[in-house]
C-alpha atoms as a PDB file:
ATOM      1  CA  MET A   1     -13.911  13.607 -11.861  1.00  0.00           C
ATOM      2  CA  PRO A   2     -16.231  15.121 -14.497  1.00  0.00           C
ATOM      3  CA  ILE A   3     -16.194  12.900 -17.604  1.00  0.00           C
ATOM      4  CA  THR A   4     -16.035  14.805 -20.912  1.00  0.00           C
ATOM      5  CA  ASP A   5     -16.195  13.590 -24.506  1.00  0.00           C
ATOM      6  CA  ASN A   6     -12.440  14.179 -24.796  1.00  0.00           C
ATOM      7  CA  HIS A   7     -11.895  11.973 -21.756  1.00  0.00           C
ATOM      8  CA  LYS A   8     -13.961   9.197 -23.342  1.00  0.00           C
ATOM      9  CA  VAL A   9     -11.999   9.397 -26.601  1.00  0.00           C
ATOM     10  CA  LEU A  10      -8.711   9.201 -24.690  1.00  0.00           C
ATOM     11  CA  ALA A  11     -10.085   6.353 -22.555  1.00  0.00           C
ATOM     12  CA  ASP A  12     -10.888   4.341 -25.696  1.00  0.00           C
ATOM     13  CA  GLN A  13      -7.341   4.847 -26.990  1.00  0.00           C
ATOM     14  CA  VAL A  14      -5.818   3.872 -23.653  1.00  0.00           C
ATOM     15  CA  SER A  15      -8.078   0.811 -23.313  1.00  0.00           C
ATOM     16  CA  ALA A  16      -7.060  -0.414 -26.783  1.00  0.00           C
ATOM     17  CA  LEU A  17      -3.389  -0.053 -25.828  1.00  0.00           C
ATOM     18  CA  ALA A  18      -4.042  -1.901 -22.561  1.00  0.00           C
ATOM     19  CA  LYS A  19      -5.504  -4.857 -24.449  1.00  0.00           C
ATOM     20  CA  ARG A  20      -2.480  -4.994 -26.734  1.00  0.00           C
ATOM     21  CA  ALA A  21      -0.146  -4.814 -23.739  1.00  0.00           C
ATOM     22  CA  ASN A  22      -1.929  -7.719 -22.088  1.00  0.00           C
ATOM     23  CA  GLU A  23      -1.726  -9.792 -25.284  1.00  0.00           C
ATOM     24  CA  ALA A  24       2.023  -9.108 -25.425  1.00  0.00           C
ATOM     25  CA  GLY A  25       2.501 -10.172 -21.800  1.00  0.00           C
ATOM     26  CA  ALA A  26       3.188  -6.621 -20.614  1.00  0.00           C
ATOM     27  CA  VAL A  27       0.726  -7.121 -17.771  1.00  0.00           C
ATOM     28  CA  ALA A  28       2.008  -4.333 -15.490  1.00  0.00           C
ATOM     29  CA  SER A  29       1.584  -1.812 -18.298  1.00  0.00           C
ATOM     30  CA  ALA A  30      -1.858  -3.217 -19.061  1.00  0.00           C
ATOM     31  CA  ALA A  31      -2.889  -2.801 -15.417  1.00  0.00           C
ATOM     32  CA  ALA A  32      -1.771   0.840 -15.337  1.00  0.00           C
ATOM     33  CA  LEU A  33      -3.507   1.574 -18.641  1.00  0.00           C
ATOM     34  CA  PHE A  34      -6.785  -0.078 -17.673  1.00  0.00           C
ATOM     35  CA  GLU A  35      -6.769   1.887 -14.388  1.00  0.00           C
ATOM     36  CA  ALA A  36      -6.285   5.128 -16.320  1.00  0.00           C
ATOM     37  CA  ALA A  37      -9.023   4.175 -18.794  1.00  0.00           C
ATOM     38  CA  HIS A  38     -11.425   3.654 -15.908  1.00  0.00           C
ATOM     39  CA  ALA A  39     -10.433   6.976 -14.310  1.00  0.00           C
ATOM     40  CA  LEU A  40     -11.154   8.730 -17.607  1.00  0.00           C
ATOM     41  CA  SER A  41     -14.463   7.006 -18.368  1.00  0.00           C
ATOM     42  CA  ASN A  42     -15.828   5.384 -15.191  1.00  0.00           C
ATOM     43  CA  ASP A  43     -16.274   2.257 -17.300  1.00  0.00           C
ATOM     44  CA  TRP A  44     -16.938  -1.016 -15.471  1.00  0.00           C
ATOM     45  CA  THR A  45     -15.113  -3.131 -18.052  1.00  0.00           C
ATOM     46  CA  SER A  46     -11.874  -1.186 -17.652  1.00  0.00           C
ATOM     47  CA  ARG A  47     -12.175  -1.363 -13.886  1.00  0.00           C
ATOM     48  CA  VAL A  48     -12.575  -5.137 -13.724  1.00  0.00           C
ATOM     49  CA  SER A  49      -9.864  -5.552 -16.369  1.00  0.00           C
ATOM     50  CA  ALA A  50      -7.441  -3.574 -14.190  1.00  0.00           C
ATOM     51  CA  ALA A  51      -8.182  -5.858 -11.236  1.00  0.00           C
ATOM     52  CA  ASN A  52      -7.726  -8.911 -13.467  1.00  0.00           C
ATOM     53  CA  MET A  53      -4.260  -7.648 -14.432  1.00  0.00           C
ATOM     54  CA  ARG A  54      -3.323  -7.303 -10.747  1.00  0.00           C
ATOM     55  CA  LEU A  55      -4.411 -10.889 -10.180  1.00  0.00           C
ATOM     56  CA  LYS A  56      -2.452 -12.000 -13.241  1.00  0.00           C
ATOM     57  CA  LEU A  57       0.650 -10.270 -11.825  1.00  0.00           C
ATOM     58  CA  GLY A  58       0.291 -12.348  -8.647  1.00  0.00           C
ATOM     59  CA  ASP A  59      -0.988  -9.517  -6.435  1.00  0.00           C
ATOM     60  CA  ALA A  60      -4.041 -11.409  -5.202  1.00  0.00           C
ATOM     61  CA  ALA A  61      -4.534  -9.092  -2.216  1.00  0.00           C
ATOM     62  CA  ALA A  62      -4.814  -5.972  -4.383  1.00  0.00           C
ATOM     63  CA  ALA A  63      -7.042  -7.781  -6.873  1.00  0.00           C
ATOM     64  CA  CYS A  64      -9.349  -9.090  -4.150  1.00  0.00           C
ATOM     65  CA  ALA A  65      -9.649  -5.597  -2.641  1.00  0.00           C
ATOM     66  CA  ALA A  66     -10.492  -4.203  -6.078  1.00  0.00           C
ATOM     67  CA  TYR A  67     -13.192  -6.826  -6.699  1.00  0.00           C
ATOM     68  CA  GLU A  68     -14.705  -6.219  -3.252  1.00  0.00           C
ATOM     69  CA  SER A  69     -14.687  -2.470  -3.872  1.00  0.00           C
ATOM     70  CA  MET A  70     -16.466  -2.935  -7.199  1.00  0.00           C
ATOM     71  CA  LEU A  71     -19.193  -5.083  -5.672  1.00  0.00           C
ATOM     72  CA  CYS A  72     -19.651  -2.605  -2.812  1.00  0.00           C
ATOM     73  CA  ASP A  73     -19.722   0.401  -5.162  1.00  0.00           C
ATOM     74  CA  ASP A  74     -22.350  -1.141  -7.447  1.00  0.00           C
ATOM     75  CA  GLY A  75     -25.055   1.491  -7.239  1.00  0.00           C
ATOM     76  CA  GLY A  76     -24.195   4.826  -8.847  1.00  0.00           C
ATOM     77  CA  SER A  77     -24.159   3.379 -12.351  1.00  0.00           C
ATOM     78  CA  ALA A  78     -25.559  -0.138 -12.074  1.00  0.00           C
ATOM     79  CA  MET A  79     -23.032  -2.836 -12.854  1.00  0.00           C
ATOM     80  CA  PRO A  80     -24.122  -4.980 -15.811  1.00  0.00           C
ATOM     81  CA  ASP A  81     -25.006  -8.551 -14.842  1.00  0.00           C
ATOM     82  CA  ARG A  82     -22.229  -9.915 -17.042  1.00  0.00           C
ATOM     83  CA  ILE A  83     -19.617  -7.768 -15.252  1.00  0.00           C
ATOM     84  CA  ARG A  84     -21.020  -8.607 -11.808  1.00  0.00           C
ATOM     85  CA  GLN A  85     -20.848 -12.333 -12.508  1.00  0.00           C
ATOM     86  CA  LEU A  86     -17.302 -11.992 -13.819  1.00  0.00           C
ATOM     87  CA  THR A  87     -16.300  -9.924 -10.787  1.00  0.00           C
ATOM     88  CA  GLU A  88     -17.744 -12.453  -8.359  1.00  0.00           C
ATOM     89  CA  ARG A  89     -15.984 -15.317 -10.148  1.00  0.00           C
ATOM     90  CA  LYS A  90     -12.645 -13.472 -10.230  1.00  0.00           C
ATOM     91  CA  ARG A  91     -12.996 -12.540  -6.558  1.00  0.00           C
ATOM     92  CA  GLU A  92     -13.282 -16.243  -5.730  1.00  0.00           C
ATOM     93  CA  GLU A  93     -10.138 -16.875  -7.787  1.00  0.00           C
ATOM     94  CA  ALA A  94      -8.335 -14.120  -5.868  1.00  0.00           C
ATOM     95  CA  LEU A  95      -9.462 -15.534  -2.514  1.00  0.00           C
ATOM     96  CA  SER A  96      -8.244 -18.994  -3.544  1.00  0.00           C
ATOM     97  CA  ALA A  97      -4.909 -17.495  -4.633  1.00  0.00           C
ATOM     98  CA  LEU A  98      -4.585 -15.727  -1.274  1.00  0.00           C
ATOM     99  CA  ALA A  99      -5.266 -18.965   0.608  1.00  0.00           C
ATOM    100  CA  GLU A 100      -2.755 -20.804  -1.569  1.00  0.00           C
ATOM    101  CA  ALA A 101      -0.166 -18.098  -0.966  1.00  0.00           C
ATOM    102  CA  GLU A 102      -0.657 -18.383   2.791  1.00  0.00           C
ATOM    103  CA  ARG A 103      -0.177 -22.150   2.629  1.00  0.00           C
ATOM    104  CA  GLY A 104       2.883 -21.686   0.440  1.00  0.00           C
ATOM    105  CA  GLN A 105       4.366 -19.188   2.868  1.00  0.00           C
ATOM    106  CA  SER A 106       3.923 -21.647   5.693  1.00  0.00           C
ATOM    107  CA  SER A 107       5.522 -24.442   3.642  1.00  0.00           C
ATOM    108  CA  ARG A 108       8.481 -22.252   2.648  1.00  0.00           C
ATOM    109  CA  ALA A 109       9.002 -21.194   6.261  1.00  0.00           C
ATOM    110  CA  SER A 110       9.089 -24.853   7.341  1.00  0.00           C
ATOM    111  CA  PHE A 111      11.486 -25.751   4.516  1.00  0.00           C
ATOM    112  CA  TRP A 112      13.934 -22.951   5.333  1.00  0.00           C
ATOM    113  CA  ALA A 113      13.663 -23.641   9.062  1.00  0.00           C
ATOM    114  CA  THR A 114      14.639 -27.263   8.349  1.00  0.00           C
ATOM    115  CA  LEU A 115      17.721 -26.022   6.517  1.00  0.00           C
ATOM    116  CA  GLY A 116      18.515 -23.632   9.349  1.00  0.00           C
ATOM    117  CA  GLY A 117      18.072 -20.532   7.213  1.00  0.00           C
ATOM    118  CA  GLU A 118      15.487 -18.042   6.089  1.00  0.00           C
ATOM    119  CA  GLY A 119      13.547 -17.863   2.861  1.00  0.00           C
ATOM    120  CA  GLY A 120      11.122 -15.742   0.939  1.00  0.00           C
ATOM    121  CA  GLY A 121      11.416 -13.859  -2.320  1.00  0.00           C
ATOM    122  CA  GLY A 122      15.104 -13.761  -3.063  1.00  0.00           C
ATOM    123  CA  ILE A 123      16.705 -14.336  -6.430  1.00  0.00           C
ATOM    124  CA  ALA A 124      13.675 -16.054  -7.984  1.00  0.00           C
ATOM    125  CA  ALA A 125      11.409 -13.107  -7.178  1.00  0.00           C
ATOM    126  CA  ARG A 126      13.970 -10.582  -8.406  1.00  0.00           C
ATOM    127  CA  THR A 127      14.547 -12.577 -11.597  1.00  0.00           C
ATOM    128  CA  THR A 128      10.811 -12.603 -12.297  1.00  0.00           C
ATOM    129  CA  THR A 129      10.699  -8.847 -11.802  1.00  0.00           C
ATOM    130  CA  VAL A 130      13.626  -8.271 -14.152  1.00  0.00           C
ATOM    131  CA  ALA A 131      12.109 -10.590 -16.752  1.00  0.00           C
ATOM    132  CA  GLN A 132       8.785  -8.783 -16.525  1.00  0.00           C
ATOM    133  CA  ARG A 133      10.521  -5.413 -16.930  1.00  0.00           C
ATOM    134  CA  ARG A 134      12.132  -6.659 -20.120  1.00  0.00           C
ATOM    135  CA  ILE A 135       8.758  -7.755 -21.479  1.00  0.00           C
ATOM    136  CA  GLU A 136       7.284  -4.331 -20.666  1.00  0.00           C
ATOM    137  CA  ALA A 137      10.215  -2.563 -22.378  1.00  0.00           C
ATOM    138  CA  ARG A 138       9.944  -4.741 -25.495  1.00  0.00           C
ATOM    139  CA  TRP A 139       6.241  -4.030 -25.739  1.00  0.00           C
ATOM    140  CA  ARG A 140       6.813  -0.251 -25.515  1.00  0.00           C
ATOM    141  CA  GLU A 141       9.373  -0.459 -28.302  1.00  0.00           C
ATOM    142  CA  SER A 142       6.958  -2.398 -30.506  1.00  0.00           C
ATOM    143  CA  GLU A 143       4.050   0.012 -30.115  1.00  0.00           C
ATOM    144  CA  PRO A 144       3.130   2.329 -33.034  1.00  0.00           C
ATOM    145  CA  ALA A 145       3.908   6.007 -33.179  1.00  0.00           C
ATOM    146  CA  ALA A 146       0.502   6.827 -31.648  1.00  0.00           C
ATOM    147  CA  ALA A 147       1.667   5.653 -28.191  1.00  0.00           C
ATOM    148  CA  PRO A 148       3.909   8.690 -27.440  1.00  0.00           C
ATOM    149  CA  ALA A 149       1.071  11.058 -28.343  1.00  0.00           C
ATOM    150  CA  THR A 150      -1.265   9.136 -26.037  1.00  0.00           C
ATOM    151  CA  ALA A 151       1.354   9.323 -23.278  1.00  0.00           C
ATOM    152  CA  ASP A 152       1.524  13.105 -23.726  1.00  0.00           C
ATOM    153  CA  ALA A 153      -2.273  13.320 -23.560  1.00  0.00           C
ATOM    154  CA  LEU A 154      -2.267  11.273 -20.346  1.00  0.00           C
ATOM    155  CA  LYS A 155       0.395  13.540 -18.879  1.00  0.00           C
ATOM    156  CA  ALA A 156      -1.679  16.629 -19.744  1.00  0.00           C
ATOM    157  CA  ALA A 157      -4.750  15.039 -18.156  1.00  0.00           C
ATOM    158  CA  GLY A 158      -2.655  14.214 -15.079  1.00  0.00           C
ATOM    159  CA  ASN A 159      -1.488  17.820 -14.858  1.00  0.00           C
ATOM    160  CA  ALA A 160      -5.112  18.986 -14.991  1.00  0.00           C
ATOM    161  CA  ARG A 161      -6.210  16.624 -12.211  1.00  0.00           C
ATOM    162  CA  ASN A 162      -3.226  17.624 -10.087  1.00  0.00           C
ATOM    163  CA  GLN A 163      -4.133  21.306 -10.462  1.00  0.00           C
ATOM    164  CA  ALA A 164      -7.720  20.433  -9.529  1.00  0.00           C
ATOM    165  CA  GLY A 165      -6.452  18.822  -6.319  1.00  0.00           C
ATOM    166  CA  ASP A 166      -7.245  15.257  -7.396  1.00  0.00           C
ATOM    167  CA  ALA A 167      -3.930  13.589  -6.631  1.00  0.00           C
ATOM    168  CA  ALA A 168      -5.361  10.036  -6.667  1.00  0.00           C
ATOM    169  CA  VAL A 169      -6.550  10.238 -10.283  1.00  0.00           C
ATOM    170  CA  ALA A 170      -3.486  12.240 -11.357  1.00  0.00           C
ATOM    171  CA  LYS A 171      -1.331   9.379 -10.030  1.00  0.00           C
ATOM    172  CA  LEU A 172      -3.164   6.858 -12.235  1.00  0.00           C
ATOM    173  CA  LEU A 173      -2.804   9.041 -15.328  1.00  0.00           C
ATOM    174  CA  TYR A 174       0.912   9.693 -14.765  1.00  0.00           C
ATOM    175  CA  SER A 175       1.474   5.955 -14.147  1.00  0.00           C
ATOM    176  CA  ALA A 176      -0.217   5.107 -17.441  1.00  0.00           C
ATOM    177  CA  ALA A 177       1.852   7.752 -19.245  1.00  0.00           C
ATOM    178  CA  TYR A 178       4.983   6.127 -17.804  1.00  0.00           C
ATOM    179  CA  ALA A 179       3.770   2.660 -18.870  1.00  0.00           C
ATOM    180  CA  LEU A 180       3.497   3.895 -22.456  1.00  0.00           C
ATOM    181  CA  SER A 181       6.698   5.921 -22.615  1.00  0.00           C
ATOM    182  CA  GLY A 182       9.109   4.528 -20.025  1.00  0.00           C
ATOM    183  CA  ARG A 183      10.020   8.119 -19.076  1.00  0.00           C
ATOM    184  CA  LEU A 184      11.122   8.038 -15.451  1.00  0.00           C
ATOM    185  CA  GLU A 185      10.113  11.650 -14.819  1.00  0.00           C
ATOM    186  CA  LEU A 186       6.485  10.540 -15.322  1.00  0.00           C
ATOM    187  CA  ARG A 187       6.961   7.763 -12.788  1.00  0.00           C
ATOM    188  CA  LEU A 188       8.400  10.423 -10.475  1.00  0.00           C
ATOM    189  CA  SER A 189       5.268  12.531 -10.985  1.00  0.00           C
ATOM    190  CA  ALA A 190       3.117   9.526 -10.050  1.00  0.00           C
ATOM    191  CA  ALA A 191       5.170   9.024  -6.872  1.00  0.00           C
ATOM    192  CA  ASN A 192       4.737  12.701  -6.016  1.00  0.00           C
ATOM    193  CA  MET A 193       0.968  12.272  -6.293  1.00  0.00           C
ATOM    194  CA  GLU A 194       1.177   9.257  -3.972  1.00  0.00           C
ATOM    195  CA  LEU A 195       2.910  11.466  -1.416  1.00  0.00           C
ATOM    196  CA  LYS A 196       0.421  14.261  -2.009  1.00  0.00           C
ATOM    197  CA  GLU A 197      -2.471  11.971  -1.070  1.00  0.00           C
ATOM    198  CA  GLY A 198      -1.242  12.329   2.506  1.00  0.00           C
ATOM    199  CA  GLY A 199      -0.798  10.075   5.519  1.00  0.00           C
ATOM    200  CA  PRO A 200       1.952   7.689   6.657  1.00  0.00           C
ATOM    201  CA  ALA A 201       0.807   4.820   4.403  1.00  0.00           C
ATOM    202  CA  HIS A 202       0.981   6.937   1.245  1.00  0.00           C
ATOM    203  CA  ALA A 203       4.286   8.432   2.416  1.00  0.00           C
ATOM    204  CA  ALA A 204       5.752   4.947   2.892  1.00  0.00           C
ATOM    205  CA  ALA A 205       4.561   3.870  -0.564  1.00  0.00           C
ATOM    206  CA  ALA A 206       6.021   7.033  -2.095  1.00  0.00           C
ATOM    207  CA  LEU A 207       9.341   6.532  -0.303  1.00  0.00           C
ATOM    208  CA  ASP A 208       9.594   2.986  -1.649  1.00  0.00           C
ATOM    209  CA  GLU A 209       8.781   4.238  -5.143  1.00  0.00           C
ATOM    210  CA  TYR A 210      11.424   7.003  -4.971  1.00  0.00           C
ATOM    211  CA  ASP A 211      14.039   4.379  -4.097  1.00  0.00           C
ATOM    212  CA  ARG A 212      12.896   2.172  -6.981  1.00  0.00           C
ATOM    213  CA  ILE A 213      13.043   5.084  -9.417  1.00  0.00           C
ATOM    214  CA  ALA A 214      16.592   5.927  -8.354  1.00  0.00           C
ATOM    215  CA  ALA A 215      17.627   2.263  -8.672  1.00  0.00           C
ATOM    216  CA  GLU A 216      16.035   1.912 -12.108  1.00  0.00           C
ATOM    217  CA  ALA A 217      17.649   5.117 -13.364  1.00  0.00           C
ATOM    218  CA  GLU A 218      21.020   3.700 -12.368  1.00  0.00           C
ATOM    219  CA  ALA A 219      20.321   0.196 -13.705  1.00  0.00           C
ATOM    220  CA  VAL A 220      19.171   1.223 -17.178  1.00  0.00           C
ATOM    221  CA  GLY A 221      21.868   3.864 -17.573  1.00  0.00           C
ATOM    222  CA  ARG A 222      19.358   6.655 -18.164  1.00  0.00           C
ATOM    223  CA  PRO A 223      19.907   8.984 -15.241  1.00  0.00           C
ATOM    224  CA  LEU A 224      17.324  11.596 -14.399  1.00  0.00           C
ATOM    225  CA  SER A 225      18.091  15.198 -15.221  1.00  0.00           C
ATOM    226  CA  GLN A 226      19.714  17.286 -12.507  1.00  0.00           C
ATOM    227  CA  ALA A 227      16.415  19.051 -11.843  1.00  0.00           C
ATOM    228  CA  HIS A 228      14.498  15.776 -11.515  1.00  0.00           C
ATOM    229  CA  THR A 229      17.249  14.267  -9.361  1.00  0.00           C
ATOM    230  CA  SER A 230      17.045  17.245  -7.009  1.00  0.00           C
ATOM    231  CA  LEU A 231      13.259  16.942  -6.930  1.00  0.00           C
ATOM    232  CA  LEU A 232      13.456  13.230  -6.155  1.00  0.00           C
ATOM    233  CA  THR A 233      15.928  13.890  -3.311  1.00  0.00           C
ATOM    234  CA  ARG A 234      13.719  16.606  -1.834  1.00  0.00           C
ATOM    235  CA  LYS A 235      10.507  14.605  -2.131  1.00  0.00           C
ATOM    236  CA  ARG A 236      12.161  11.527  -0.665  1.00  0.00           C
ATOM    237  CA  ALA A 237      13.171  13.576   2.376  1.00  0.00           C
ATOM    238  CA  GLU A 238       9.590  14.846   2.683  1.00  0.00           C
ATOM    239  CA  ALA A 239       8.246  11.299   2.598  1.00  0.00           C
ATOM    240  CA  ALA A 240      10.736  10.116   5.223  1.00  0.00           C
ATOM    241  CA  ALA A 241       9.854  13.075   7.461  1.00  0.00           C
ATOM    242  CA  GLN A 242       6.166  12.155   7.264  1.00  0.00           C
ATOM    243  CA  ILE A 243       6.876   8.570   8.266  1.00  0.00           C
ATOM    244  CA  ARG A 244       9.138   9.357  11.247  1.00  0.00           C
ATOM    245  CA  PRO A 245       6.548  11.216  13.381  1.00  0.00           C
ATOM    246  CA  ALA A 246       4.095   8.372  12.824  1.00  0.00           C
ATOM    247  CA  ALA A 247       6.738   5.844  13.898  1.00  0.00           C
ATOM    248  CA  ALA A 248       7.588   7.963  16.939  1.00  0.00           C
ATOM    249  CA  ALA A 249       3.912   8.245  17.868  1.00  0.00           C
ATOM    250  CA  SER A 250       3.575   4.490  17.521  1.00  0.00           C
ATOM    251  CA  ALA A 251       6.566   4.005  19.836  1.00  0.00           C
ATOM    252  CA  VAL A 252       4.982   6.363  22.383  1.00  0.00           C
ATOM    253  CA  ASP A 253       1.727   4.415  22.156  1.00  0.00           C
ATOM    254  CA  VAL A 254       3.596   1.168  22.779  1.00  0.00           C
ATOM    255  CA  SER A 255       5.503   2.557  25.767  1.00  0.00           C
ATOM    256  CA  THR A 256       2.315   4.116  27.179  1.00  0.00           C
ATOM    257  CA  THR A 257       0.505   0.809  26.794  1.00  0.00           C
ATOM    258  CA  ALA A 258       3.368  -1.005  28.517  1.00  0.00           C
ATOM    259  CA  ALA A 259       3.333   1.516  31.383  1.00  0.00           C
ATOM    260  CA  ALA A 260      -0.420   1.181  31.719  1.00  0.00           C
ATOM    261  CA  ALA A 261      -0.075  -2.603  31.811  1.00  0.00           C
ATOM    262  CA  ALA A 262       2.608  -2.337  34.511  1.00  0.00           C
ATOM    263  CA  ASP A 263       0.351  -0.033  36.537  1.00  0.00           C
ATOM    264  CA  ALA A 264      -2.504  -2.491  36.158  1.00  0.00           C
ATOM    265  CA  VAL A 265      -0.337  -5.363  37.379  1.00  0.00           C
ATOM    266  CA  ALA A 266       0.812  -3.288  40.354  1.00  0.00           C
ATOM    267  CA  ALA A 267      -2.787  -2.429  41.159  1.00  0.00           C
ATOM    268  CA  VAL A 268      -3.760  -6.095  41.038  1.00  0.00           C
ATOM    269  CA  ASP A 269      -0.834  -7.012  43.297  1.00  0.00           C
ATOM    270  CA  ALA A 270      -1.808  -4.299  45.764  1.00  0.00           C
ATOM    271  CA  ALA A 271      -5.419  -5.429  45.765  1.00  0.00           C
ATOM    272  CA  ALA A 272      -4.316  -9.001  46.352  1.00  0.00           C
ATOM    273  CA  ALA A 273      -2.147  -7.900  49.270  1.00  0.00           C
ATOM    274  CA  ASP A 274      -5.042  -5.947  50.769  1.00  0.00           C
ATOM    275  CA  ALA A 275      -7.336  -8.930  50.362  1.00  0.00           C
ATOM    276  CA  ALA A 276      -4.800 -11.215  52.027  1.00  0.00           C
ATOM    277  CA  ALA A 277      -4.382  -8.828  54.931  1.00  0.00           C
ATOM    278  CA  ALA A 278      -8.139  -8.515  55.392  1.00  0.00           C
ATOM    279  CA  ALA A 279      -8.526 -12.296  55.355  1.00  0.00           C
ATOM    280  CA  ALA A 280      -5.754 -12.880  57.938  1.00  0.00           C
ATOM    281  CA  PRO A 281      -6.822 -13.605  61.546  1.00  0.00           C
ATOM    282  CA  ALA A 282      -7.087 -10.459  63.680  1.00  0.00           C
ATOM    283  CA  ASP A 283      -4.681 -11.870  66.225  1.00  0.00           C
ATOM    284  CA  ASP A 284      -1.978 -12.641  63.567  1.00  0.00           C
ATOM    285  CA  PRO A 285       1.143 -10.852  64.933  1.00  0.00           C
ATOM    286  CA  ALA A 286       2.433 -10.052  61.445  1.00  0.00           C
ATOM    287  CA  THR A 287      -0.882  -8.516  60.422  1.00  0.00           C
ATOM    288  CA  ALA A 288      -1.046  -6.508  63.624  1.00  0.00           C
ATOM    289  CA  ALA A 289       2.461  -5.169  63.039  1.00  0.00           C
ATOM    290  CA  VAL A 290       1.632  -4.118  59.467  1.00  0.00           C
ATOM    291  CA  ALA A 291      -1.570  -2.454  60.657  1.00  0.00           C
ATOM    292  CA  ALA A 292       0.332  -0.588  63.347  1.00  0.00           C
ATOM    293  CA  ASP A 293       2.926   0.598  60.867  1.00  0.00           C
ATOM    294  CA  ALA A 294       0.178   1.794  58.525  1.00  0.00           C
ATOM    295  CA  ALA A 295      -1.583   3.659  61.357  1.00  0.00           C
ATOM    296  CA  ALA A 296       1.678   5.335  62.371  1.00  0.00           C
ATOM    297  CA  ALA A 297       2.405   6.373  58.789  1.00  0.00           C
ATOM    298  CA  ALA A 298      -1.113   7.794  58.444  1.00  0.00           C
ATOM    299  CA  ALA A 299      -0.715   9.771  61.639  1.00  0.00           C
ATOM    300  CA  ALA A 300       2.653  11.127  60.458  1.00  0.00           C
ATOM    301  CA  ASP A 301       1.082  12.193  57.150  1.00  0.00           C
ATOM    302  CA  ALA A 302      -1.761  13.936  58.953  1.00  0.00           C
ATOM    303  CA  ALA A 303       0.646  15.766  61.241  1.00  0.00           C
ATOM    304  CA  ALA A 304       2.924  16.875  58.396  1.00  0.00           C
END
């Protein structure tokens, strides 16, 4: 998007808040804020900081993809050597974390298989998520009075990008506004932008986010307004409708592939039978009988 002086001023404010969030352990908020700061300024430091927060949250796959994207995009505004070196080093950390996670998954699967059950995530993962949410909430409460004004400015910037048809950037700005304010309607706006980006993958992500918003509204005892609840219900239905045709098409592809495979097997069997018949001795009574039956059938077809 076009970067203005106002955008740069807002980006500086958001980046400062992101650093404070990170220092307070509110890493999810820091990630959202750094992403918004980069969207507003196209600044390399904010971009790598956002990826670092994803890695710190344990999302090594997202972090690795972000580092790779940065290194591939290095061209338009040349990445400073210091940032490139940091990005390369952090990418290696992310790759190591991914490898470790894969080994851990394998170990957990073996452990649970030994016990005759299934593992993965569960209470420990949910407890971590709840604990992290509490840290994020405490950080929001401790922030100075400037944070709500910054959240409003981010919301206004998100509205502008949405009107300009830039749903991807609008999503980042609404997410940052939510990180600062905790207002679920802003998280709902971010989910709507996810859906607006289009395609089954974005629809699935939006659907998951709608369910999380509804669950959080119930858990914290701050229900959405009637208007926002109606909007969430409608948008959730839209997301589900976008996923179903894709799933149906996938099922058709699978059945078509299976049918094609069956046809191929039948063709191979037929070819093998033909080869066997051709290789049989000419005076084999069975072969002669089959040949006679085939000749009679051909004659009947020609006469029909």
